[in-house]
Amino acid sequence: MDTVAARALQREVLLGFWKAHILHHAAEGPVVGQWMIRELRRHGYEVSPGTMYPLLARLEGRGWLRCRTDPQGGARARKGYSLTPAGRRALTFLKNQVEELYREVVPGEEEAAEPR
């Protein structure tokens, strides 16, 4: 896939996947930006700090994450993001939607669809 097509796919589809990953991991415990970048790369996603940190701020702004700053960190204090109750509800909704999508798009997971 060429670079232009890959960027369009990232903006249109993968950004939602990244958000779901972040919420999932924040449900397990606080996450920090650099760790999340490495985790997404482990899954084959190339996410830059310039994308990750605004994404975390957006999820916080939506009320799905809560940010806590390490008081010992000084000027460049490490920020940890935890899932809020609203974030947990959002994650539950996303999980149900992903399961439904998986059953529909992965061959053999659902009986043949009704003819259109």
N, C-alpha and C. Protein backbone atom coordinates (compact mmCIF):
# COMPACT_ATOMS: atom_id res chain seq x y z
N MET A 1 0.85 -1.16 0.00
CA MET A 1 0.00 0.00 0.00
C MET A 1 0.90 1.23 0.00
N ASP A 2 0.58 2.21 -0.86
CA ASP A 2 1.41 3.41 -0.91
C ASP A 2 1.18 4.30 0.31
N THR A 3 2.07 5.25 0.53
CA THR A 3 2.04 6.09 1.72
C THR A 3 0.75 6.89 1.84
N VAL A 4 0.28 7.45 0.75
CA VAL A 4 -0.94 8.26 0.78
C VAL A 4 -2.14 7.39 1.19
N ALA A 5 -2.23 6.21 0.61
CA ALA A 5 -3.34 5.30 0.95
C ALA A 5 -3.23 4.84 2.40
N ALA A 6 -2.01 4.57 2.85
CA ALA A 6 -1.81 4.12 4.24
C ALA A 6 -2.22 5.22 5.21
N ARG A 7 -1.87 6.45 4.92
CA ARG A 7 -2.25 7.57 5.80
C ARG A 7 -3.76 7.76 5.83
N ALA A 8 -4.40 7.63 4.70
CA ALA A 8 -5.86 7.77 4.64
C ALA A 8 -6.51 6.66 5.46
N LEU A 9 -6.00 5.44 5.35
CA LEU A 9 -6.54 4.32 6.12
C LEU A 9 -6.35 4.55 7.62
N GLN A 10 -5.18 5.07 8.00
CA GLN A 10 -4.93 5.37 9.41
C GLN A 10 -5.96 6.37 9.93
N ARG A 11 -6.17 7.43 9.21
CA ARG A 11 -7.09 8.48 9.67
C ARG A 11 -8.54 8.02 9.67
N GLU A 12 -8.92 7.21 8.72
CA GLU A 12 -10.32 6.81 8.60
C GLU A 12 -10.70 5.61 9.47
N VAL A 13 -9.78 4.68 9.67
CA VAL A 13 -10.14 3.44 10.35
C VAL A 13 -9.25 3.13 11.56
N LEU A 14 -7.95 3.14 11.36
CA LEU A 14 -7.04 2.67 12.40
C LEU A 14 -7.05 3.54 13.64
N LEU A 15 -7.34 4.81 13.51
CA LEU A 15 -7.40 5.69 14.67
C LEU A 15 -8.41 5.15 15.69
N GLY A 16 -9.51 4.63 15.24
CA GLY A 16 -10.49 4.01 16.14
C GLY A 16 -9.93 2.77 16.81
N PHE A 17 -9.15 1.97 16.07
CA PHE A 17 -8.51 0.79 16.67
C PHE A 17 -7.56 1.20 17.78
N TRP A 18 -6.79 2.25 17.51
CA TRP A 18 -5.82 2.72 18.50
C TRP A 18 -6.53 3.17 19.77
N LYS A 19 -7.64 3.88 19.61
CA LYS A 19 -8.42 4.33 20.77
C LYS A 19 -8.92 3.13 21.57
N ALA A 20 -9.41 2.11 20.88
CA ALA A 20 -9.89 0.90 21.57
C ALA A 20 -8.74 0.24 22.33
N HIS A 21 -7.56 0.16 21.72
CA HIS A 21 -6.39 -0.40 22.40
C HIS A 21 -6.07 0.39 23.66
N ILE A 22 -6.07 1.70 23.55
CA ILE A 22 -5.74 2.55 24.69
C ILE A 22 -6.73 2.31 25.82
N LEU A 23 -8.02 2.33 25.51
CA LEU A 23 -9.03 2.10 26.54
C LEU A 23 -8.88 0.72 27.17
N HIS A 24 -8.61 -0.28 26.34
CA HIS A 24 -8.42 -1.65 26.85
C HIS A 24 -7.27 -1.70 27.86
N HIS A 25 -6.13 -1.13 27.49
CA HIS A 25 -4.98 -1.19 28.38
C HIS A 25 -5.16 -0.31 29.61
N ALA A 26 -5.85 0.81 29.46
CA ALA A 26 -6.12 1.67 30.62
C ALA A 26 -7.06 0.98 31.60
N ALA A 27 -7.86 0.04 31.12
CA ALA A 27 -8.73 -0.74 32.02
C ALA A 27 -7.90 -1.68 32.88
N GLU A 28 -6.73 -2.07 32.39
CA GLU A 28 -5.86 -2.97 33.13
C GLU A 28 -5.01 -2.23 34.16
N GLY A 29 -4.81 -0.94 33.95
CA GLY A 29 -4.00 -0.12 34.83
C GLY A 29 -3.55 1.12 34.09
N PRO A 30 -2.98 2.08 34.82
CA PRO A 30 -2.58 3.33 34.17
C PRO A 30 -1.59 3.08 33.03
N VAL A 31 -1.76 3.83 31.95
CA VAL A 31 -0.84 3.74 30.80
C VAL A 31 -0.16 5.09 30.62
N VAL A 32 1.03 5.06 30.07
CA VAL A 32 1.75 6.28 29.72
C VAL A 32 1.98 6.27 28.21
N GLY A 33 2.14 7.46 27.65
CA GLY A 33 2.23 7.60 26.20
C GLY A 33 3.30 6.76 25.54
N GLN A 34 4.54 6.81 26.04
CA GLN A 34 5.62 6.06 25.40
C GLN A 34 5.38 4.56 25.45
N TRP A 35 4.85 4.06 26.55
CA TRP A 35 4.54 2.63 26.63
C TRP A 35 3.46 2.27 25.62
N MET A 36 2.45 3.14 25.49
CA MET A 36 1.36 2.87 24.57
C MET A 36 1.85 2.88 23.13
N ILE A 37 2.78 3.79 22.80
CA ILE A 37 3.37 3.81 21.45
C ILE A 37 4.06 2.48 21.17
N ARG A 38 4.86 2.00 22.15
CA ARG A 38 5.56 0.71 21.97
C ARG A 38 4.56 -0.44 21.83
N GLU A 39 3.52 -0.42 22.64
CA GLU A 39 2.51 -1.48 22.59
C GLU A 39 1.81 -1.51 21.23
N LEU A 40 1.44 -0.36 20.72
CA LEU A 40 0.79 -0.33 19.41
C LEU A 40 1.76 -0.77 18.31
N ARG A 41 3.02 -0.40 18.43
CA ARG A 41 4.02 -0.86 17.44
C ARG A 41 4.16 -2.37 17.47
N ARG A 42 4.06 -2.94 18.67
CA ARG A 42 4.13 -4.41 18.80
C ARG A 42 3.01 -5.07 18.00
N HIS A 43 1.90 -4.36 17.83
CA HIS A 43 0.76 -4.87 17.05
C HIS A 43 0.83 -4.45 15.58
N GLY A 44 1.92 -3.81 15.19
CA GLY A 44 2.11 -3.44 13.79
C GLY A 44 1.64 -2.05 13.42
N TYR A 45 1.24 -1.25 14.39
CA TYR A 45 0.81 0.12 14.13
C TYR A 45 1.97 1.07 14.35
N GLU A 46 2.17 1.99 13.44
CA GLU A 46 3.20 3.02 13.59
C GLU A 46 2.53 4.30 14.06
N VAL A 47 2.69 4.61 15.31
CA VAL A 47 2.07 5.79 15.91
C VAL A 47 3.18 6.67 16.46
N SER A 48 3.15 7.94 16.09
CA SER A 48 4.17 8.88 16.55
C SER A 48 3.71 9.56 17.84
N PRO A 49 4.66 10.13 18.58
CA PRO A 49 4.27 10.91 19.76
C PRO A 49 3.33 12.06 19.39
N GLY A 50 3.51 12.63 18.20
CA GLY A 50 2.66 13.71 17.75
C GLY A 50 1.22 13.29 17.50
N THR A 51 1.01 12.00 17.37
CA THR A 51 -0.35 11.46 17.26
C THR A 51 -0.84 10.96 18.62
N MET A 52 0.05 10.28 19.36
CA MET A 52 -0.35 9.65 20.61
C MET A 52 -0.80 10.65 21.67
N TYR A 53 -0.01 11.69 21.89
CA TYR A 53 -0.34 12.58 23.01
C TYR A 53 -1.62 13.38 22.78
N PRO A 54 -1.88 13.89 21.58
CA PRO A 54 -3.19 14.51 21.35
C PRO A 54 -4.34 13.50 21.46
N LEU A 55 -4.08 12.25 21.09
CA LEU A 55 -5.10 11.21 21.21
C LEU A 55 -5.44 10.94 22.68
N LEU A 56 -4.42 10.84 23.52
CA LEU A 56 -4.66 10.67 24.95
C LEU A 56 -5.42 11.87 25.53
N ALA A 57 -5.03 13.07 25.11
CA ALA A 57 -5.72 14.27 25.58
C ALA A 57 -7.18 14.28 25.13
N ARG A 58 -7.43 13.82 23.92
CA ARG A 58 -8.80 13.77 23.41
C ARG A 58 -9.64 12.78 24.21
N LEU A 59 -9.08 11.61 24.50
CA LEU A 59 -9.81 10.61 25.29
C LEU A 59 -10.06 11.13 26.71
N GLU A 60 -9.11 11.88 27.23
CA GLU A 60 -9.31 12.50 28.53
C GLU A 60 -10.42 13.56 28.44
N GLY A 61 -10.40 14.36 27.40
CA GLY A 61 -11.41 15.39 27.20
C GLY A 61 -12.81 14.82 27.06
N ARG A 62 -12.92 13.62 26.51
CA ARG A 62 -14.21 12.94 26.38
C ARG A 62 -14.69 12.37 27.72
N GLY A 63 -13.78 12.37 28.70
CA GLY A 63 -14.14 11.83 30.01
C GLY A 63 -13.91 10.34 30.14
N TRP A 64 -13.20 9.75 29.18
CA TRP A 64 -12.97 8.30 29.20
C TRP A 64 -11.69 7.93 29.92
N LEU A 65 -10.76 8.87 30.00
CA LEU A 65 -9.51 8.66 30.72
C LEU A 65 -9.33 9.78 31.74
N ARG A 66 -8.63 9.46 32.81
CA ARG A 66 -8.25 10.45 33.81
C ARG A 66 -6.73 10.47 33.85
N CYS A 67 -6.17 11.66 33.79
CA CYS A 67 -4.71 11.82 33.79
C CYS A 67 -4.24 12.17 35.19
N ARG A 68 -3.18 11.50 35.61
CA ARG A 68 -2.50 11.83 36.86
C ARG A 68 -1.04 12.05 36.55
N THR A 69 -0.52 13.12 37.07
CA THR A 69 0.88 13.47 36.84
C THR A 69 1.69 13.09 38.06
N ASP A 70 2.86 12.48 37.83
CA ASP A 70 3.76 12.11 38.91
C ASP A 70 4.25 13.38 39.60
N PRO A 71 3.90 13.58 40.88
CA PRO A 71 4.30 14.81 41.56
C PRO A 71 5.81 14.94 41.73
N GLN A 72 6.54 13.85 41.63
CA GLN A 72 8.00 13.87 41.77
C GLN A 72 8.70 14.15 40.45
N GLY A 73 7.93 14.26 39.37
CA GLY A 73 8.50 14.31 38.03
C GLY A 73 9.11 15.61 37.57
N GLY A 74 8.84 16.69 38.23
CA GLY A 74 9.40 17.98 37.82
C GLY A 74 8.75 18.50 36.55
N ALA A 75 9.55 19.22 35.74
CA ALA A 75 9.02 19.89 34.53
C ALA A 75 8.50 18.89 33.50
N ARG A 76 9.12 17.74 33.40
CA ARG A 76 8.69 16.74 32.41
C ARG A 76 8.10 15.53 33.13
N ALA A 77 7.15 15.81 33.99
CA ALA A 77 6.54 14.76 34.80
C ALA A 77 5.82 13.74 33.93
N ARG A 78 5.93 12.51 34.34
CA ARG A 78 5.28 11.40 33.64
C ARG A 78 3.79 11.42 33.94
N LYS A 79 2.97 11.30 32.88
CA LYS A 79 1.53 11.30 33.03
C LYS A 79 1.00 9.88 32.85
N GLY A 80 0.19 9.44 33.78
CA GLY A 80 -0.45 8.14 33.69
C GLY A 80 -1.93 8.34 33.44
N TYR A 81 -2.49 7.56 32.53
CA TYR A 81 -3.89 7.67 32.16
C TYR A 81 -4.63 6.42 32.60
N SER A 82 -5.72 6.63 33.37
CA SER A 82 -6.53 5.53 33.88
C SER A 82 -7.94 5.63 33.29
N LEU A 83 -8.58 4.51 33.19
CA LEU A 83 -9.95 4.45 32.68
C LEU A 83 -10.92 4.99 33.72
N THR A 84 -11.87 5.78 33.28
CA THR A 84 -12.92 6.30 34.15
C THR A 84 -14.15 5.39 34.02
N PRO A 85 -15.16 5.56 34.87
CA PRO A 85 -16.39 4.79 34.68
C PRO A 85 -17.01 5.01 33.30
N ALA A 86 -16.98 6.24 32.79
CA ALA A 86 -17.50 6.50 31.44
C ALA A 86 -16.65 5.78 30.40
N GLY A 87 -15.34 5.72 30.64
CA GLY A 87 -14.45 4.99 29.74
C GLY A 87 -14.74 3.50 29.75
N ARG A 88 -15.06 2.97 30.92
CA ARG A 88 -15.40 1.55 31.02
C ARG A 88 -16.66 1.24 30.22
N ARG A 89 -17.65 2.13 30.30
CA ARG A 89 -18.89 1.95 29.52
C ARG A 89 -18.59 2.02 28.02
N ALA A 90 -17.73 2.97 27.63
CA ALA A 90 -17.34 3.09 26.22
C ALA A 90 -16.62 1.83 25.76
N LEU A 91 -15.72 1.32 26.59
CA LEU A 91 -14.97 0.11 26.23
C LEU A 91 -15.90 -1.09 26.09
N THR A 92 -16.85 -1.24 26.98
CA THR A 92 -17.82 -2.34 26.88
C THR A 92 -18.59 -2.25 25.58
N PHE A 93 -19.04 -1.05 25.24
CA PHE A 93 -19.76 -0.84 23.98
C PHE A 93 -18.87 -1.23 22.80
N LEU A 94 -17.61 -0.75 22.80
CA LEU A 94 -16.69 -1.07 21.71
C LEU A 94 -16.44 -2.56 21.58
N LYS A 95 -16.27 -3.23 22.70
CA LYS A 95 -16.04 -4.68 22.65
C LYS A 95 -17.21 -5.40 21.98
N ASN A 96 -18.42 -5.01 22.33
CA ASN A 96 -19.60 -5.62 21.70
C ASN A 96 -19.63 -5.35 20.20
N GLN A 97 -19.29 -4.14 19.80
CA GLN A 97 -19.28 -3.80 18.39
C GLN A 97 -18.19 -4.55 17.64
N VAL A 98 -17.02 -4.69 18.25
CA VAL A 98 -15.92 -5.42 17.61
C VAL A 98 -16.29 -6.90 17.45
N GLU A 99 -16.90 -7.48 18.46
CA GLU A 99 -17.34 -8.88 18.35
C GLU A 99 -18.32 -9.06 17.21
N GLU A 100 -19.28 -8.16 17.09
CA GLU A 100 -20.26 -8.24 16.01
C GLU A 100 -19.59 -8.10 14.64
N LEU A 101 -18.69 -7.14 14.53
CA LEU A 101 -17.97 -6.93 13.27
C LEU A 101 -17.13 -8.15 12.93
N TYR A 102 -16.44 -8.71 13.91
CA TYR A 102 -15.61 -9.90 13.70
C TYR A 102 -16.45 -11.06 13.16
N ARG A 103 -17.60 -11.28 13.78
CA ARG A 103 -18.45 -12.38 13.31
C ARG A 103 -18.89 -12.18 11.86
N GLU A 104 -19.04 -10.93 11.46
CA GLU A 104 -19.51 -10.68 10.11
C GLU A 104 -18.40 -10.72 9.07
N VAL A 105 -17.22 -10.21 9.39
CA VAL A 105 -16.18 -10.08 8.36
C VAL A 105 -15.17 -11.21 8.32
N VAL A 106 -15.08 -12.02 9.35
CA VAL A 106 -14.11 -13.11 9.35
C VAL A 106 -14.82 -14.37 8.82
N PRO A 107 -14.33 -14.90 7.69
CA PRO A 107 -14.98 -16.07 7.07
C PRO A 107 -15.09 -17.24 8.04
N GLY A 108 -16.23 -17.89 7.99
CA GLY A 108 -16.45 -19.08 8.80
C GLY A 108 -16.92 -18.79 10.20
N GLU A 109 -16.96 -17.54 10.60
CA GLU A 109 -17.37 -17.20 11.96
C GLU A 109 -18.88 -17.06 12.10
N GLU A 110 -19.55 -16.86 11.01
CA GLU A 110 -21.00 -16.73 11.06
C GLU A 110 -21.55 -17.46 9.84
N GLU A 111 -22.71 -18.00 9.98
CA GLU A 111 -23.31 -18.68 8.84
C GLU A 111 -23.48 -17.69 7.72
N ALA A 112 -23.65 -18.20 6.52
CA ALA A 112 -23.80 -17.33 5.36
C ALA A 112 -24.91 -16.31 5.60
N ALA A 113 -24.63 -15.11 5.19
CA ALA A 113 -25.61 -14.03 5.39
C ALA A 113 -26.80 -14.24 4.48
N GLU A 114 -27.90 -13.66 4.88
CA GLU A 114 -29.09 -13.70 4.04
C GLU A 114 -28.77 -13.07 2.68
N PRO A 115 -29.34 -13.60 1.60
CA PRO A 115 -29.12 -12.96 0.29
C PRO A 115 -29.67 -11.54 0.32
N ARG A 116 -28.99 -10.68 -0.40
CA ARG A 116 -29.40 -9.27 -0.45
C ARG A 116 -30.41 -9.03 -1.51
